[in-house]
Amino acid sequence: MFGSIAALGAGLAVIGAGIGIGQVGGKAMEGISRQPEAAGKIQTAMIIAAALIEGAALFGVVVSFLGLK
């Protein structure tokens, strides 16, 4: 029973990260299309934000699997 709950928690963490990265990427593309000269700064900020979102998702997956014990 607890294994399925942990898998559900891990899945929710990954879905949340996917939605977050999709939002970041979409908004970055909108920003670059509006101001192409700022593409370098926008891309740098986008990569940093995506890395932070992935870190939070990994943390959620680890916490959900720690709940197995």
Protein backbone atom coordinates (compact mmCIF):
# COMPACT_ATOMS: atom_id res chain seq x y z
CA MET A 1 0.00 0.00 0.00
CA PHE A 2 2.73 2.45 0.93
CA GLY A 3 4.61 1.79 -2.30
CA SER A 4 1.69 2.98 -4.39
CA ILE A 5 1.34 6.11 -2.29
CA ALA A 6 5.04 6.88 -2.74
CA ALA A 7 4.73 6.32 -6.48
CA LEU A 8 1.76 8.69 -6.56
CA GLY A 9 3.78 11.34 -4.71
CA ALA A 10 6.71 10.92 -7.08
CA GLY A 11 4.40 11.19 -10.08
CA LEU A 12 2.80 14.36 -8.76
CA ALA A 13 6.24 15.90 -8.17
CA VAL A 14 7.30 15.10 -11.73
CA ILE A 15 4.03 16.40 -13.21
CA GLY A 16 4.44 19.63 -11.26
CA ALA A 17 7.98 20.03 -12.53
CA GLY A 18 6.86 19.41 -16.10
CA ILE A 19 4.16 22.05 -15.83
CA GLY A 20 6.61 24.51 -14.25
CA ILE A 21 9.30 24.02 -16.87
CA GLY A 22 6.69 24.31 -19.61
CA GLN A 23 5.54 27.63 -18.19
CA VAL A 24 9.11 28.92 -17.86
CA GLY A 25 10.01 27.86 -21.40
CA GLY A 26 6.85 29.32 -22.91
CA LYS A 27 7.22 32.65 -21.18
CA ALA A 28 10.90 32.81 -22.11
CA MET A 29 10.04 32.25 -25.77
CA GLU A 30 7.43 35.01 -25.56
CA GLY A 31 10.01 37.33 -24.03
CA ILE A 32 12.61 36.52 -26.65
CA SER A 33 10.09 37.06 -29.45
CA ARG A 34 9.19 40.47 -28.01
CA GLN A 35 12.79 41.55 -27.38
CA PRO A 36 15.27 39.52 -29.43
CA GLU A 37 18.18 41.64 -28.25
CA ALA A 38 17.64 40.38 -24.68
CA ALA A 39 17.73 36.72 -25.68
CA GLY A 40 20.99 35.98 -23.84
CA LYS A 41 19.79 37.32 -20.51
CA ILE A 42 16.40 35.65 -20.84
CA GLN A 43 17.96 32.31 -21.76
CA THR A 44 20.32 32.44 -18.78
CA ALA A 45 17.48 33.20 -16.39
CA MET A 46 15.36 30.46 -17.99
CA ILE A 47 18.07 27.82 -17.52
CA ILE A 48 18.58 28.80 -13.88
CA ALA A 49 14.84 28.68 -13.20
CA ALA A 50 14.49 25.30 -14.92
CA ALA A 51 17.36 23.91 -12.83
CA LEU A 52 15.71 25.11 -9.62
CA ILE A 53 12.40 23.55 -10.64
CA GLU A 54 14.13 20.25 -11.42
CA GLY A 55 15.85 20.36 -8.04
CA ALA A 56 12.54 20.85 -6.27
CA ALA A 57 11.02 17.96 -8.23
CA LEU A 58 13.94 15.69 -7.36
CA PHE A 59 13.53 16.65 -3.72
CA GLY A 60 9.83 15.74 -3.91
CA VAL A 61 10.62 12.36 -5.46
CA VAL A 62 13.23 11.58 -2.80
CA VAL A 63 10.88 12.59 0.02
CA SER A 64 8.08 10.47 -1.40
CA PHE A 65 10.36 7.42 -1.59
CA LEU A 66 11.65 8.04 1.93
CA GLY A 67 8.07 7.63 3.09
CA LEU A 68 8.23 3.94 2.21
CA LYS A 69 9.78 2.96 5.54
